[in-house]
N, C-alpha and C. Protein backbone atom coordinates (compact mmCIF):
# COMPACT_ATOMS: atom_id res chain seq x y z
N MET A 1 0.83 -1.18 0.00
CA MET A 1 0.00 0.00 0.00
C MET A 1 0.87 1.25 0.00
N PRO A 2 0.44 2.28 -0.75
CA PRO A 2 1.22 3.51 -0.76
C PRO A 2 1.19 4.17 0.60
N GLU A 3 2.31 4.81 0.95
CA GLU A 3 2.38 5.50 2.23
C GLU A 3 2.79 6.94 2.01
N LYS A 4 2.27 7.80 2.87
CA LYS A 4 2.63 9.22 2.87
C LYS A 4 3.20 9.54 4.23
N SER A 5 4.41 9.99 4.26
CA SER A 5 5.05 10.38 5.53
C SER A 5 4.87 9.33 6.61
N GLY A 6 5.05 8.08 6.26
CA GLY A 6 4.93 7.00 7.23
C GLY A 6 3.50 6.60 7.53
N ARG A 7 2.51 7.26 6.94
CA ARG A 7 1.10 6.92 7.15
C ARG A 7 0.54 6.28 5.89
N ARG A 8 -0.37 5.38 6.09
CA ARG A 8 -1.05 4.80 4.93
C ARG A 8 -2.00 5.83 4.33
N ASP A 9 -1.99 5.93 3.02
CA ASP A 9 -2.87 6.86 2.33
C ASP A 9 -4.26 6.25 2.17
N ARG A 10 -4.32 4.96 1.91
CA ARG A 10 -5.60 4.26 1.71
C ARG A 10 -5.48 2.83 2.20
N VAL A 11 -6.63 2.27 2.56
CA VAL A 11 -6.70 0.87 2.94
C VAL A 11 -7.85 0.22 2.18
N THR A 12 -7.92 -1.08 2.22
CA THR A 12 -8.97 -1.81 1.53
C THR A 12 -9.99 -2.30 2.54
N LEU A 13 -11.26 -2.08 2.26
CA LEU A 13 -12.36 -2.63 3.04
C LEU A 13 -13.07 -3.65 2.17
N LYS A 14 -13.48 -4.74 2.77
CA LYS A 14 -14.21 -5.76 2.02
C LYS A 14 -15.66 -5.74 2.44
N ILE A 15 -16.54 -5.71 1.44
CA ILE A 15 -17.98 -5.77 1.69
C ILE A 15 -18.54 -6.91 0.84
N PRO A 16 -19.70 -7.44 1.22
CA PRO A 16 -20.30 -8.50 0.41
C PRO A 16 -20.58 -8.02 -1.02
N ALA A 17 -20.37 -8.90 -1.98
CA ALA A 17 -20.58 -8.55 -3.39
C ALA A 17 -22.03 -8.11 -3.63
N GLU A 18 -22.98 -8.72 -2.94
CA GLU A 18 -24.38 -8.36 -3.11
C GLU A 18 -24.62 -6.91 -2.68
N LEU A 19 -24.00 -6.50 -1.58
CA LEU A 19 -24.12 -5.11 -1.13
C LEU A 19 -23.51 -4.17 -2.16
N TYR A 20 -22.33 -4.53 -2.66
CA TYR A 20 -21.67 -3.70 -3.68
C TYR A 20 -22.60 -3.51 -4.89
N ASP A 21 -23.19 -4.62 -5.34
CA ASP A 21 -24.08 -4.55 -6.51
C ASP A 21 -25.30 -3.67 -6.22
N ASN A 22 -25.86 -3.80 -5.01
CA ASN A 22 -27.00 -2.96 -4.63
C ASN A 22 -26.63 -1.49 -4.60
N LEU A 23 -25.45 -1.18 -4.05
CA LEU A 23 -25.00 0.20 -4.00
C LEU A 23 -24.75 0.74 -5.41
N LYS A 24 -24.21 -0.10 -6.27
CA LYS A 24 -23.96 0.31 -7.65
C LYS A 24 -25.26 0.72 -8.33
N GLU A 25 -26.31 -0.05 -8.11
CA GLU A 25 -27.63 0.29 -8.66
C GLU A 25 -28.17 1.55 -8.01
N LEU A 26 -27.99 1.67 -6.71
CA LEU A 26 -28.51 2.81 -5.94
C LEU A 26 -27.94 4.13 -6.44
N ILE A 27 -26.66 4.16 -6.78
CA ILE A 27 -26.03 5.42 -7.17
C ILE A 27 -26.15 5.71 -8.66
N ASP A 28 -26.71 4.77 -9.42
CA ASP A 28 -26.86 4.99 -10.87
C ASP A 28 -27.67 6.27 -11.11
N GLY A 29 -27.11 7.16 -11.90
CA GLY A 29 -27.79 8.40 -12.23
C GLY A 29 -27.57 9.52 -11.22
N THR A 30 -26.75 9.28 -10.20
CA THR A 30 -26.44 10.32 -9.22
C THR A 30 -25.12 10.97 -9.60
N GLY A 31 -24.65 11.85 -8.79
CA GLY A 31 -23.37 12.51 -9.05
C GLY A 31 -22.17 11.68 -8.62
N PHE A 32 -22.40 10.53 -8.01
CA PHE A 32 -21.28 9.69 -7.58
C PHE A 32 -20.69 8.95 -8.77
N ARG A 33 -19.37 8.97 -8.86
CA ARG A 33 -18.69 8.32 -9.98
C ARG A 33 -18.40 6.85 -9.73
N SER A 34 -18.46 6.43 -8.48
CA SER A 34 -18.16 5.03 -8.16
C SER A 34 -18.77 4.65 -6.82
N VAL A 35 -18.88 3.35 -6.60
CA VAL A 35 -19.36 2.86 -5.30
C VAL A 35 -18.39 3.31 -4.22
N ASN A 36 -17.10 3.25 -4.51
CA ASN A 36 -16.10 3.67 -3.54
C ASN A 36 -16.32 5.12 -3.12
N GLU A 37 -16.55 6.01 -4.07
CA GLU A 37 -16.78 7.41 -3.75
C GLU A 37 -18.02 7.57 -2.86
N PHE A 38 -19.07 6.83 -3.19
CA PHE A 38 -20.30 6.90 -2.40
C PHE A 38 -20.08 6.37 -0.98
N VAL A 39 -19.40 5.25 -0.85
CA VAL A 39 -19.16 4.65 0.46
C VAL A 39 -18.29 5.57 1.32
N VAL A 40 -17.26 6.16 0.73
CA VAL A 40 -16.42 7.11 1.48
C VAL A 40 -17.27 8.28 1.95
N HIS A 41 -18.14 8.78 1.09
CA HIS A 41 -19.02 9.88 1.47
C HIS A 41 -19.90 9.48 2.65
N CYS A 42 -20.52 8.31 2.57
CA CYS A 42 -21.41 7.84 3.64
C CYS A 42 -20.65 7.66 4.95
N LEU A 43 -19.47 7.07 4.87
CA LEU A 43 -18.70 6.84 6.09
C LEU A 43 -18.23 8.15 6.72
N ARG A 44 -17.86 9.11 5.89
CA ARG A 44 -17.50 10.43 6.43
C ARG A 44 -18.69 11.07 7.10
N ASP A 45 -19.85 10.92 6.48
CA ASP A 45 -21.08 11.47 7.03
C ASP A 45 -21.38 10.84 8.39
N VAL A 46 -21.30 9.53 8.47
CA VAL A 46 -21.55 8.83 9.73
C VAL A 46 -20.52 9.22 10.78
N ALA A 47 -19.25 9.27 10.38
CA ALA A 47 -18.17 9.58 11.33
C ALA A 47 -18.28 11.01 11.85
N SER A 48 -18.88 11.89 11.07
CA SER A 48 -19.02 13.28 11.52
C SER A 48 -20.34 13.53 12.22
N GLY A 49 -21.06 12.47 12.53
CA GLY A 49 -22.34 12.64 13.21
C GLY A 49 -23.46 13.03 12.27
N GLY A 50 -23.27 12.77 10.98
CA GLY A 50 -24.31 13.08 10.00
C GLY A 50 -24.35 14.52 9.56
N LYS A 51 -23.26 15.27 9.82
CA LYS A 51 -23.25 16.69 9.47
C LYS A 51 -22.03 17.01 8.63
N LEU A 52 -22.18 16.86 7.34
CA LEU A 52 -21.10 17.22 6.42
C LEU A 52 -21.34 18.64 5.90
N ASP A 53 -20.25 19.33 5.62
CA ASP A 53 -20.36 20.67 5.07
C ASP A 53 -20.90 20.64 3.65
N LYS A 54 -20.48 19.64 2.89
CA LYS A 54 -20.89 19.57 1.50
C LYS A 54 -22.04 18.57 1.34
N PRO A 55 -23.08 18.93 0.60
CA PRO A 55 -24.15 17.96 0.36
C PRO A 55 -23.68 16.89 -0.61
N ALA A 56 -24.37 15.76 -0.62
CA ALA A 56 -24.04 14.69 -1.55
C ALA A 56 -24.27 15.19 -2.97
N PRO A 57 -23.31 14.95 -3.87
CA PRO A 57 -23.49 15.45 -5.24
C PRO A 57 -24.66 14.76 -5.93
N GLY A 58 -25.59 15.56 -6.42
CA GLY A 58 -26.70 15.02 -7.20
C GLY A 58 -27.79 14.36 -6.38
N LEU A 59 -27.75 14.40 -5.06
CA LEU A 59 -28.77 13.76 -4.24
C LEU A 59 -29.54 14.81 -3.44
N SER A 60 -30.85 14.61 -3.37
CA SER A 60 -31.67 15.49 -2.54
C SER A 60 -31.59 15.02 -1.09
N ASP A 61 -32.08 15.86 -0.19
CA ASP A 61 -32.11 15.47 1.23
C ASP A 61 -32.95 14.21 1.42
N ASN A 62 -34.05 14.08 0.68
CA ASN A 62 -34.90 12.90 0.79
C ASN A 62 -34.15 11.65 0.32
N GLU A 63 -33.36 11.78 -0.74
CA GLU A 63 -32.60 10.63 -1.22
C GLU A 63 -31.52 10.22 -0.22
N VAL A 64 -30.87 11.19 0.38
CA VAL A 64 -29.86 10.90 1.40
C VAL A 64 -30.52 10.20 2.59
N ASP A 65 -31.68 10.68 3.01
CA ASP A 65 -32.40 10.03 4.11
C ASP A 65 -32.78 8.59 3.75
N ALA A 66 -33.22 8.38 2.52
CA ALA A 66 -33.59 7.03 2.08
C ALA A 66 -32.37 6.10 2.09
N ILE A 67 -31.23 6.62 1.69
CA ILE A 67 -30.00 5.83 1.70
C ILE A 67 -29.63 5.48 3.13
N ARG A 68 -29.72 6.45 4.03
CA ARG A 68 -29.43 6.19 5.44
C ARG A 68 -30.35 5.11 6.00
N GLN A 69 -31.63 5.18 5.65
CA GLN A 69 -32.59 4.19 6.13
C GLN A 69 -32.24 2.79 5.61
N ARG A 70 -31.83 2.72 4.36
CA ARG A 70 -31.46 1.42 3.79
C ARG A 70 -30.20 0.86 4.45
N LEU A 71 -29.21 1.72 4.66
CA LEU A 71 -27.99 1.28 5.33
C LEU A 71 -28.28 0.85 6.77
N ARG A 72 -29.17 1.57 7.43
CA ARG A 72 -29.56 1.21 8.80
C ARG A 72 -30.27 -0.14 8.79
N ALA A 73 -31.18 -0.35 7.86
CA ALA A 73 -31.91 -1.61 7.76
C ALA A 73 -30.98 -2.79 7.48
N LEU A 74 -29.90 -2.52 6.76
CA LEU A 74 -28.91 -3.57 6.46
C LEU A 74 -27.94 -3.78 7.61
N GLY A 75 -28.02 -2.92 8.62
CA GLY A 75 -27.15 -3.08 9.79
C GLY A 75 -25.79 -2.43 9.65
N TYR A 76 -25.61 -1.55 8.66
CA TYR A 76 -24.31 -0.92 8.44
C TYR A 76 -24.12 0.35 9.24
N ILE A 77 -25.24 0.96 9.66
CA ILE A 77 -25.14 2.13 10.52
C ILE A 77 -26.18 1.99 11.63
N PRO A 78 -25.93 2.59 12.78
CA PRO A 78 -26.90 2.47 13.89
C PRO A 78 -28.13 3.32 13.69
C-alpha cells in the first residue's frame, strides 16, 4: 500500500458482493462516480455525526435520508 510520511494513504475494506451490486444500482444516475466514492461519502457522514459541510453530489435530502434508512436496515449504521 502507498504510504505518505509514514502513514497509509488508503486501505482496503471488504464488503459482500451483493451489497456492492445494490450500491452500484442505488447510485446509478447520481453525481457519484463510483461505489467507492459513495461509500467514502457515507462513512465520512456517519463519522461526523451526520453533518457534512458539502451535500451529496446530485442527491436530494430525501434521497440521502432514504439511503441512510437502507444502510440502517442492512445493519451498516446504527
